N, C-alpha and C. Protein backbone atom coordinates (compact mmCIF):
# COMPACT_ATOMS: atom_id res chain seq x y z
N SER A 1 74.07 66.76 76.28
CA SER A 1 75.35 66.92 77.23
C SER A 1 75.44 68.73 77.66
N CYS A 2 76.30 68.98 77.94
CA CYS A 2 76.77 70.57 79.04
C CYS A 2 77.23 70.69 78.00
N ASP A 3 76.93 72.28 77.95
CA ASP A 3 77.92 73.47 77.36
C ASP A 3 78.58 73.84 78.13
N SER A 4 79.63 74.62 77.91
CA SER A 4 80.81 75.25 78.88
C SER A 4 80.79 76.40 78.66
N CYS A 5 80.88 77.14 79.71
CA CYS A 5 80.89 79.14 80.18
C CYS A 5 81.34 79.55 79.33
N PRO A 6 81.65 80.32 78.70
CA PRO A 6 82.30 80.81 78.19
C PRO A 6 83.76 81.17 78.93
N GLU A 7 85.29 81.64 78.57
CA GLU A 7 86.32 81.27 78.96
C GLU A 7 86.33 81.96 80.29
N GLY A 8 86.66 81.64 81.67
CA GLY A 8 86.93 82.94 82.89
C GLY A 8 85.41 82.79 83.97
N LYS A 9 84.98 82.08 82.85
CA LYS A 9 83.29 82.22 83.82
C LYS A 9 82.78 80.59 84.42
N VAL A 10 81.32 80.83 85.43
CA VAL A 10 81.69 79.34 86.02
C VAL A 10 79.87 79.68 85.72
N SER A 11 79.89 79.21 86.27
CA SER A 11 77.97 78.86 86.73
C SER A 11 77.74 77.50 88.00
N SER A 12 76.76 77.75 88.51
CA SER A 12 76.31 76.95 88.96
C SER A 12 75.82 75.52 88.88
N ALA A 13 76.10 74.51 89.68
CA ALA A 13 75.10 72.87 89.02
C ALA A 13 73.78 73.32 88.69
N GLY A 14 73.78 72.34 87.93
CA GLY A 14 71.98 72.66 87.46
C GLY A 14 71.91 74.01 86.33
N SER A 15 73.12 74.48 85.69
CA SER A 15 72.22 76.18 84.91
C SER A 15 71.75 75.16 83.42
N SER A 16 70.99 76.08 82.63
CA SER A 16 70.38 75.72 81.70
C SER A 16 70.49 76.86 80.72
N SER A 17 71.24 78.12 80.95
CA SER A 17 71.56 78.59 79.90
C SER A 17 73.49 79.44 79.91
N VAL A 18 73.74 79.70 78.68
CA VAL A 18 74.58 80.63 78.94
C VAL A 18 74.49 82.27 79.72
N ASP A 19 73.73 82.39 79.52
CA ASP A 19 73.12 83.40 80.84
C ASP A 19 73.57 83.45 82.20
N ASP A 20 73.03 81.86 82.54
CA ASP A 20 73.60 81.93 83.80
C ASP A 20 74.99 81.93 84.46
N CYS A 21 75.99 82.09 83.14
CA CYS A 21 77.53 82.28 83.54
C CYS A 21 77.38 83.53 83.80
N TYR A 22 79.11 83.51 85.05
CA TYR A 22 79.09 84.83 85.65
C TYR A 22 80.76 84.28 86.24
N TYR A 23 81.13 85.48 86.24
CA TYR A 23 82.81 85.93 86.59
C TYR A 23 82.80 85.84 88.07
N GLU A 24 83.70 84.69 88.66
CA GLU A 24 83.57 84.76 90.33
C GLU A 24 84.34 86.01 90.74
N PRO A 25 83.85 85.94 91.98
CA PRO A 25 84.59 87.39 92.18
C PRO A 25 86.12 87.64 92.68
N CYS A 26 86.36 89.10 92.13
CA CYS A 26 87.95 89.47 91.98
C CYS A 26 88.43 88.96 93.19
N SER A 27 89.62 88.47 93.94
CA SER A 27 90.23 88.75 94.56
C SER A 27 91.07 90.44 95.33
N ALA A 28 91.29 90.34 95.64
CA ALA A 28 91.67 91.59 96.56
C ALA A 28 92.91 92.13 96.00
N GLY A 29 92.46 93.50 95.28
CA GLY A 29 94.39 93.94 94.57
C GLY A 29 93.94 94.13 92.66
N ASP A 30 92.61 93.45 92.40
CA ASP A 30 91.61 93.55 91.22
C ASP A 30 90.50 93.68 91.27
N TYR A 31 89.76 94.28 90.44
CA TYR A 31 88.30 94.54 90.28
C TYR A 31 88.07 94.43 89.09
N MET A 32 86.55 93.84 88.63
CA MET A 32 85.93 93.58 88.15
C MET A 32 85.63 94.33 87.00
N THR A 33 85.46 93.73 85.40
CA THR A 33 85.42 94.76 84.83
C THR A 33 84.42 94.47 83.80
N ASP A 34 83.84 94.30 82.64
CA ASP A 34 82.80 93.38 81.56
C ASP A 34 83.54 92.20 80.92
N SER A 35 85.40 92.04 81.39
CA SER A 35 85.55 91.34 80.33
C SER A 35 86.66 90.11 81.66
N GLY A 36 85.76 90.77 82.95
CA GLY A 36 86.78 89.49 84.18
C GLY A 36 87.71 90.88 85.08
N CYS A 37 88.35 90.17 85.80
CA CYS A 37 89.26 91.31 86.80
C CYS A 37 90.51 91.28 85.61
N GLN A 38 90.81 92.86 86.51
CA GLN A 38 92.10 93.11 85.76
C GLN A 38 92.71 94.10 87.09
N LEU A 39 93.61 93.56 87.21
CA LEU A 39 94.88 94.22 88.20
C LEU A 39 94.77 96.23 89.03
N CYS A 40 94.42 96.18 90.21
CA CYS A 40 94.47 98.12 89.93
C CYS A 40 95.49 98.27 89.77
N GLY A 41 95.81 99.63 89.22
CA GLY A 41 97.28 100.17 88.51
C GLY A 41 97.58 101.05 89.59
N GLU A 42 98.98 101.35 89.68
CA GLU A 42 99.41 102.25 90.68
C GLU A 42 98.82 103.46 91.23
N ASN A 43 99.33 103.24 92.68
CA ASN A 43 98.53 104.04 93.74
C ASN A 43 96.80 104.54 93.86
N SER A 44 96.76 103.12 93.85
CA SER A 44 94.88 102.64 94.35
C SER A 44 95.25 101.00 94.52
N PHE A 45 93.52 101.19 94.93
CA PHE A 45 93.97 99.52 95.80
C PHE A 45 92.56 99.00 95.83
N SER A 46 92.50 97.87 95.86
CA SER A 46 91.01 97.40 96.23
C SER A 46 90.86 95.89 97.19
N GLY A 47 89.89 95.71 97.35
CA GLY A 47 89.66 94.49 98.74
C GLY A 47 88.86 93.37 98.27
N ASP A 48 88.44 92.26 98.60
CA ASP A 48 88.09 91.45 97.86
C ASP A 48 86.84 91.36 97.55
N GLY A 49 86.11 91.18 96.18
CA GLY A 49 84.99 91.68 95.32
C GLY A 49 84.52 93.06 94.81
N ALA A 50 85.72 93.56 94.46
CA ALA A 50 85.37 95.17 93.92
C ALA A 50 84.97 95.02 92.41
N SER A 51 84.56 96.26 92.72
CA SER A 51 84.30 96.79 91.13
C SER A 51 84.74 97.97 90.74
N SER A 52 85.42 98.33 91.72
CA SER A 52 86.56 99.50 90.88
C SER A 52 87.87 99.44 92.68
N CYS A 53 88.91 100.10 91.94
CA CYS A 53 90.45 100.54 93.14
C CYS A 53 89.54 101.89 93.48
N THR A 54 90.45 102.28 94.45
CA THR A 54 90.20 103.46 95.21
C THR A 54 91.69 103.80 95.36
N SER A 55 91.60 105.09 94.86
CA SER A 55 92.68 105.58 95.15
C SER A 55 93.66 106.05 96.38
N CYS A 56 94.85 105.88 96.65
CA CYS A 56 95.67 105.94 97.45
C CYS A 56 94.86 107.68 98.03
N ALA A 57 95.30 107.93 99.11
CA ALA A 57 95.02 109.42 99.53
C ALA A 57 96.41 110.41 99.07
N ASP A 58 95.52 111.35 99.19
CA ASP A 58 96.60 112.89 98.23
C ASP A 58 98.16 112.78 98.92
N GLY A 59 98.98 112.60 97.53
CA GLY A 59 100.22 112.27 98.15
C GLY A 59 101.01 110.78 97.75
N LYS A 60 100.51 109.70 98.14
CA LYS A 60 100.68 108.74 98.45
C LYS A 60 100.52 108.03 97.81
N LEU A 61 101.35 106.67 97.74
CA LEU A 61 102.14 105.86 96.52
C LEU A 61 101.79 104.50 96.55
N SER A 62 101.36 103.92 96.35
CA SER A 62 101.11 102.22 95.98
C SER A 62 101.53 101.15 94.48
N ALA A 63 102.18 100.32 94.64
CA ALA A 63 102.09 99.46 93.63
C ALA A 63 101.29 98.83 92.83
N ALA A 64 101.10 98.75 91.68
CA ALA A 64 100.12 98.22 91.30
C ALA A 64 99.61 97.24 92.00
N GLY A 65 98.07 96.50 92.39
CA GLY A 65 97.86 95.19 92.52
C GLY A 65 97.73 95.17 94.05
N SER A 66 97.81 96.45 94.84
CA SER A 66 97.94 97.15 96.51
C SER A 66 96.42 96.39 96.66
N THR A 67 96.54 95.69 97.81
CA THR A 67 95.60 95.60 98.27
C THR A 67 94.67 95.88 99.53
N SER A 68 94.95 97.40 100.29
CA SER A 68 94.41 98.30 101.43
C SER A 68 95.31 99.62 100.87
N GLU A 69 94.52 100.06 102.12
CA GLU A 69 95.00 101.01 101.78
C GLU A 69 96.49 101.46 102.80
N ASP A 70 96.55 100.25 103.61
CA ASP A 70 98.12 100.25 104.10
C ASP A 70 99.37 99.78 103.63
N ASP A 71 98.42 99.50 102.23
CA ASP A 71 99.75 99.78 101.18
C ASP A 71 99.94 100.54 100.93
N CYS A 72 99.04 102.16 101.09
CA CYS A 72 99.74 103.29 100.65
C CYS A 72 100.52 104.10 101.32
N ASP A 73 101.87 104.54 101.21
CA ASP A 73 102.77 105.35 101.60
C ASP A 73 103.21 106.51 101.02
N TYR A 74 103.50 107.62 102.24
CA TYR A 74 104.78 108.60 101.46
C TYR A 74 105.78 108.28 100.58
N ALA A 75 106.29 108.39 99.79
CA ALA A 75 107.45 108.77 98.55
C ALA A 75 108.71 109.06 99.97
N SER A 76 109.99 107.67 99.47
CA SER A 76 110.53 107.47 100.29
C SER A 76 112.07 107.05 99.33
N ARG A 77 113.00 106.81 100.10
CA ARG A 77 113.87 106.47 99.01
C ARG A 77 113.81 105.36 98.68
N GLY A 78 114.25 105.33 97.58
CA GLY A 78 114.03 104.12 96.49
C GLY A 78 112.78 104.22 96.14
N ARG A 79 111.96 104.71 96.42
CA ARG A 79 110.61 105.41 94.94
C ARG A 79 110.89 106.17 94.35
N ALA A 80 110.09 106.43 93.43
CA ALA A 80 109.98 107.49 92.28
C ALA A 80 108.89 108.49 93.25
N PRO A 81 109.57 109.81 93.18
CA PRO A 81 108.30 110.74 93.68
C PRO A 81 107.49 111.29 93.10
N CYS A 82 106.15 111.67 93.43
CA CYS A 82 105.07 112.34 93.12
C CYS A 82 105.39 113.47 92.47
N ILE A 83 104.40 114.13 91.76
CA ILE A 83 104.17 115.05 91.25
C ILE A 83 103.59 116.11 92.53
N SER A 84 103.94 116.50 94.24
CA SER A 84 103.35 117.06 94.35
C SER A 84 104.12 118.15 95.62
N GLN A 85 103.53 119.42 96.05
CA GLN A 85 104.29 119.44 96.76
C GLN A 85 104.58 118.62 98.32
N TRP A 86 104.08 117.94 99.01
CA TRP A 86 103.62 116.84 100.08
C TRP A 86 104.78 115.93 99.61
N CYS A 87 104.99 115.18 98.39
CA CYS A 87 105.95 114.19 98.19
C CYS A 87 106.86 114.72 98.04
N LEU A 88 107.42 116.05 97.66
CA LEU A 88 108.91 116.51 97.22
C LEU A 88 109.50 116.52 99.23
N VAL A 89 108.28 116.87 99.52
CA VAL A 89 108.87 117.39 101.30
C VAL A 89 109.55 116.42 101.71
N ALA A 90 108.27 115.23 101.34
CA ALA A 90 108.63 113.70 101.83
C ALA A 90 110.04 113.17 101.24
N VAL A 91 110.09 113.73 100.64
CA VAL A 91 111.37 112.84 99.99
C VAL A 91 112.97 113.71 100.53
N LEU A 92 112.19 115.56 100.65
CA LEU A 92 113.87 116.15 101.21
C LEU A 92 113.60 115.46 102.46
N LEU A 93 112.61 115.20 102.51
CA LEU A 93 113.09 115.30 105.01
C LEU A 93 113.82 113.34 104.77
N ALA A 94 113.61 112.68 104.02
CA ALA A 94 113.97 111.07 103.97
C ALA A 94 115.92 111.15 103.23
N VAL A 95 115.91 112.50 103.08
CA VAL A 95 117.69 112.44 102.51
C VAL A 95 118.34 112.22 103.66
């Protein structure tokens, strides 16, 4: 009989060893770690299959799990301002 891969891992048909088990690539907004996919934190983003998250450009904000650089934006009404002169200027101009 066949043995199952460890939780969260998969293998191809006909695999013969636990060494053949692997994590499926992560979806956009997540990144791969040694223990599987993890959600990207605030002010960062990732595309499909990422091994790390990319930080938003200086002064831009994004929600955790963002999937593209387009999700990064300057602080605006309703968002907490970040601590940099550019964000504070953007917040003051938005008022």
